[in-house]
Amino acid sequence: MIIRIIRFHKILYQGNIISIIAPGIQGYFQILKNHAPFISILKNGFLKLESKKDIKKEIKIEGGILQVKKNIIFVIL
């Protein structure tokens, strides 16, 4: 999957991942490859990204929007 995390017209992170865990309004949720189209409001917390070779990254956020469509994830903070 490809992910782009954008804040104020700046790309904070872009790359290939195998999993993302994000803080939704009703709790954390996970997105994996071939997920159905999906949009969610994000609350304060951490985006937890996992890429190949067990590389993990956490990004602290203060809310935003996440969209999944055709294995492309957009996060607008």
N, C-alpha and C. Protein backbone atom coordinates (compact mmCIF):
# COMPACT_ATOMS: atom_id res chain seq x y z
N MET A 1 0.85 -1.18 0.00
CA MET A 1 0.00 0.00 0.00
C MET A 1 0.89 1.24 0.00
N ILE A 2 0.38 2.29 -0.57
CA ILE A 2 1.09 3.57 -0.58
C ILE A 2 0.39 4.50 0.40
N ILE A 3 1.18 5.24 1.18
CA ILE A 3 0.61 6.20 2.12
C ILE A 3 1.23 7.57 1.89
N ARG A 4 0.39 8.60 2.03
CA ARG A 4 0.84 10.00 2.02
C ARG A 4 0.22 10.69 3.22
N ILE A 5 1.08 11.25 4.06
CA ILE A 5 0.62 12.00 5.22
C ILE A 5 0.96 13.46 4.97
N ILE A 6 -0.09 14.31 4.94
CA ILE A 6 0.06 15.71 4.54
C ILE A 6 -0.37 16.62 5.68
N ARG A 7 0.43 17.68 5.89
CA ARG A 7 0.07 18.72 6.87
C ARG A 7 0.46 20.07 6.29
N PHE A 8 -0.50 20.98 6.18
CA PHE A 8 -0.24 22.33 5.68
C PHE A 8 0.54 22.34 4.38
N HIS A 9 0.05 21.65 3.38
CA HIS A 9 0.65 21.62 2.05
C HIS A 9 2.05 21.02 2.03
N LYS A 10 2.42 20.29 3.07
CA LYS A 10 3.74 19.66 3.14
C LYS A 10 3.54 18.16 3.35
N ILE A 11 4.27 17.35 2.63
CA ILE A 11 4.20 15.91 2.81
C ILE A 11 5.12 15.53 3.97
N LEU A 12 4.52 15.04 5.07
CA LEU A 12 5.30 14.63 6.24
C LEU A 12 5.92 13.25 6.04
N TYR A 13 5.18 12.38 5.36
CA TYR A 13 5.68 11.02 5.12
C TYR A 13 5.02 10.48 3.87
N GLN A 14 5.78 9.76 3.08
CA GLN A 14 5.26 9.10 1.89
C GLN A 14 6.07 7.84 1.68
N GLY A 15 5.38 6.73 1.41
CA GLY A 15 6.10 5.49 1.17
C GLY A 15 5.17 4.30 1.10
N ASN A 16 5.78 3.13 1.01
CA ASN A 16 5.04 1.87 0.98
C ASN A 16 4.97 1.29 2.37
N ILE A 17 3.78 0.82 2.75
CA ILE A 17 3.60 0.20 4.06
C ILE A 17 2.79 -1.08 3.90
N ILE A 18 2.82 -1.92 4.93
CA ILE A 18 1.98 -3.12 4.92
C ILE A 18 0.83 -2.99 5.92
N SER A 19 0.93 -2.02 6.85
CA SER A 19 -0.11 -1.86 7.87
C SER A 19 -0.06 -0.46 8.45
N ILE A 20 -1.24 0.06 8.82
CA ILE A 20 -1.32 1.30 9.58
C ILE A 20 -2.37 1.12 10.67
N ILE A 21 -2.04 1.60 11.86
CA ILE A 21 -2.99 1.63 12.97
C ILE A 21 -3.20 3.11 13.28
N ALA A 22 -4.46 3.55 13.31
CA ALA A 22 -4.78 4.96 13.47
C ALA A 22 -5.85 5.17 14.55
N PRO A 23 -5.82 6.35 15.21
CA PRO A 23 -6.79 6.65 16.28
C PRO A 23 -8.08 7.24 15.73
N GLY A 24 -9.10 6.42 15.58
CA GLY A 24 -10.41 6.90 15.14
C GLY A 24 -11.20 7.46 16.30
N ILE A 25 -12.33 8.04 16.01
CA ILE A 25 -13.19 8.64 17.04
C ILE A 25 -13.62 7.60 18.09
N GLN A 26 -13.89 6.37 17.65
CA GLN A 26 -14.34 5.33 18.58
C GLN A 26 -13.24 4.35 18.96
N GLY A 27 -12.00 4.70 18.71
CA GLY A 27 -10.88 3.85 19.08
C GLY A 27 -9.95 3.60 17.91
N TYR A 28 -8.86 2.93 18.20
CA TYR A 28 -7.86 2.64 17.17
C TYR A 28 -8.39 1.59 16.19
N PHE A 29 -7.99 1.70 14.92
CA PHE A 29 -8.35 0.72 13.90
C PHE A 29 -7.13 0.46 13.02
N GLN A 30 -7.16 -0.67 12.33
CA GLN A 30 -6.03 -1.07 11.48
C GLN A 30 -6.48 -1.19 10.03
N ILE A 31 -5.61 -0.77 9.12
CA ILE A 31 -5.83 -0.90 7.68
C ILE A 31 -4.74 -1.81 7.12
N LEU A 32 -5.15 -2.83 6.37
CA LEU A 32 -4.23 -3.74 5.70
C LEU A 32 -4.49 -3.70 4.19
N LYS A 33 -3.64 -4.37 3.43
CA LYS A 33 -3.76 -4.39 1.98
C LYS A 33 -5.15 -4.86 1.54
N ASN A 34 -5.66 -4.25 0.46
CA ASN A 34 -6.97 -4.57 -0.13
C ASN A 34 -8.15 -4.23 0.77
N HIS A 35 -7.98 -3.26 1.66
CA HIS A 35 -9.08 -2.82 2.51
C HIS A 35 -10.15 -2.16 1.64
N ALA A 36 -11.38 -2.27 2.03
CA ALA A 36 -12.50 -1.62 1.32
C ALA A 36 -12.33 -0.10 1.40
N PRO A 37 -12.89 0.64 0.43
CA PRO A 37 -12.83 2.11 0.51
C PRO A 37 -13.39 2.58 1.86
N PHE A 38 -12.73 3.59 2.43
CA PHE A 38 -13.00 3.93 3.83
C PHE A 38 -12.57 5.37 4.09
N ILE A 39 -13.34 6.10 4.88
CA ILE A 39 -12.97 7.44 5.34
C ILE A 39 -13.24 7.51 6.83
N SER A 40 -12.32 8.12 7.58
CA SER A 40 -12.51 8.25 9.02
C SER A 40 -11.94 9.58 9.52
N ILE A 41 -12.59 10.12 10.53
CA ILE A 41 -12.05 11.27 11.26
C ILE A 41 -11.08 10.70 12.29
N LEU A 42 -9.93 11.35 12.44
CA LEU A 42 -8.93 10.91 13.41
C LEU A 42 -8.91 11.84 14.62
N LYS A 43 -8.63 11.27 15.78
CA LYS A 43 -8.50 12.08 16.99
C LYS A 43 -7.03 12.11 17.40
N ASN A 44 -6.73 12.75 18.51
CA ASN A 44 -5.36 12.83 19.02
C ASN A 44 -4.82 11.43 19.31
N GLY A 45 -3.57 11.21 18.98
CA GLY A 45 -2.95 9.91 19.24
C GLY A 45 -1.74 9.71 18.35
N PHE A 46 -1.50 8.44 17.99
CA PHE A 46 -0.34 8.09 17.18
C PHE A 46 -0.77 7.30 15.95
N LEU A 47 -0.18 7.63 14.80
CA LEU A 47 -0.28 6.78 13.62
C LEU A 47 0.87 5.79 13.73
N LYS A 48 0.56 4.51 13.66
CA LYS A 48 1.58 3.48 13.77
C LYS A 48 1.71 2.79 12.42
N LEU A 49 2.84 3.03 11.75
CA LEU A 49 3.07 2.50 10.41
C LEU A 49 4.03 1.33 10.48
N GLU A 50 3.77 0.30 9.68
CA GLU A 50 4.69 -0.84 9.59
C GLU A 50 4.99 -1.08 8.11
N SER A 51 6.27 -1.09 7.80
CA SER A 51 6.68 -1.37 6.42
C SER A 51 7.39 -2.71 6.38
N LYS A 52 7.81 -3.11 5.20
CA LYS A 52 8.50 -4.40 5.06
C LYS A 52 9.75 -4.40 5.91
N LYS A 53 10.23 -5.60 6.21
CA LYS A 53 11.43 -5.80 7.04
C LYS A 53 11.19 -5.35 8.48
N ASP A 54 9.94 -5.38 8.94
CA ASP A 54 9.59 -5.05 10.34
C ASP A 54 10.03 -3.66 10.77
N ILE A 55 10.08 -2.71 9.85
CA ILE A 55 10.39 -1.32 10.20
C ILE A 55 9.10 -0.66 10.65
N LYS A 56 9.13 -0.12 11.88
CA LYS A 56 7.93 0.51 12.44
C LYS A 56 8.20 1.98 12.71
N LYS A 57 7.18 2.80 12.52
CA LYS A 57 7.31 4.24 12.72
C LYS A 57 6.04 4.74 13.39
N GLU A 58 6.19 5.64 14.36
CA GLU A 58 5.04 6.26 15.03
C GLU A 58 5.08 7.77 14.79
N ILE A 59 3.93 8.32 14.44
CA ILE A 59 3.81 9.76 14.20
C ILE A 59 2.70 10.29 15.10
N LYS A 60 3.05 11.22 15.96
CA LYS A 60 2.06 11.82 16.86
C LYS A 60 1.19 12.78 16.06
N ILE A 61 -0.14 12.68 16.25
CA ILE A 61 -1.06 13.56 15.53
C ILE A 61 -2.05 14.20 16.51
N GLU A 62 -2.64 15.28 16.06
CA GLU A 62 -3.68 15.96 16.84
C GLU A 62 -4.95 16.07 16.02
N GLY A 63 -5.39 14.94 15.49
CA GLY A 63 -6.61 14.91 14.71
C GLY A 63 -6.33 15.00 13.22
N GLY A 64 -7.34 14.66 12.42
CA GLY A 64 -7.21 14.72 10.98
C GLY A 64 -8.25 13.86 10.29
N ILE A 65 -7.98 13.56 9.03
CA ILE A 65 -8.87 12.72 8.22
C ILE A 65 -8.04 11.67 7.52
N LEU A 66 -8.54 10.44 7.45
CA LEU A 66 -7.87 9.35 6.75
C LEU A 66 -8.81 8.81 5.68
N GLN A 67 -8.27 8.58 4.49
CA GLN A 67 -9.05 7.99 3.39
C GLN A 67 -8.26 6.83 2.80
N VAL A 68 -8.97 5.72 2.54
CA VAL A 68 -8.39 4.55 1.88
C VAL A 68 -9.15 4.32 0.59
N LYS A 69 -8.41 4.14 -0.51
CA LYS A 69 -9.03 3.84 -1.79
C LYS A 69 -8.01 3.16 -2.69
N LYS A 70 -8.32 1.95 -3.13
CA LYS A 70 -7.45 1.18 -4.04
C LYS A 70 -6.02 1.09 -3.54
N ASN A 71 -5.84 0.70 -2.29
CA ASN A 71 -4.53 0.51 -1.65
C ASN A 71 -3.69 1.78 -1.58
N ILE A 72 -4.35 2.93 -1.62
CA ILE A 72 -3.69 4.22 -1.41
C ILE A 72 -4.35 4.87 -0.20
N ILE A 73 -3.52 5.29 0.74
CA ILE A 73 -4.02 5.90 1.98
C ILE A 73 -3.56 7.35 2.00
N PHE A 74 -4.51 8.26 2.19
CA PHE A 74 -4.22 9.68 2.36
C PHE A 74 -4.58 10.05 3.79
N VAL A 75 -3.67 10.72 4.46
CA VAL A 75 -3.95 11.25 5.80
C VAL A 75 -3.70 12.75 5.73
N ILE A 76 -4.73 13.53 6.06
CA ILE A 76 -4.61 14.98 6.09
C ILE A 76 -4.73 15.44 7.54
N LEU A 77 -3.69 16.11 8.00
CA LEU A 77 -3.64 16.54 9.40
C LEU A 77 -3.88 18.04 9.50
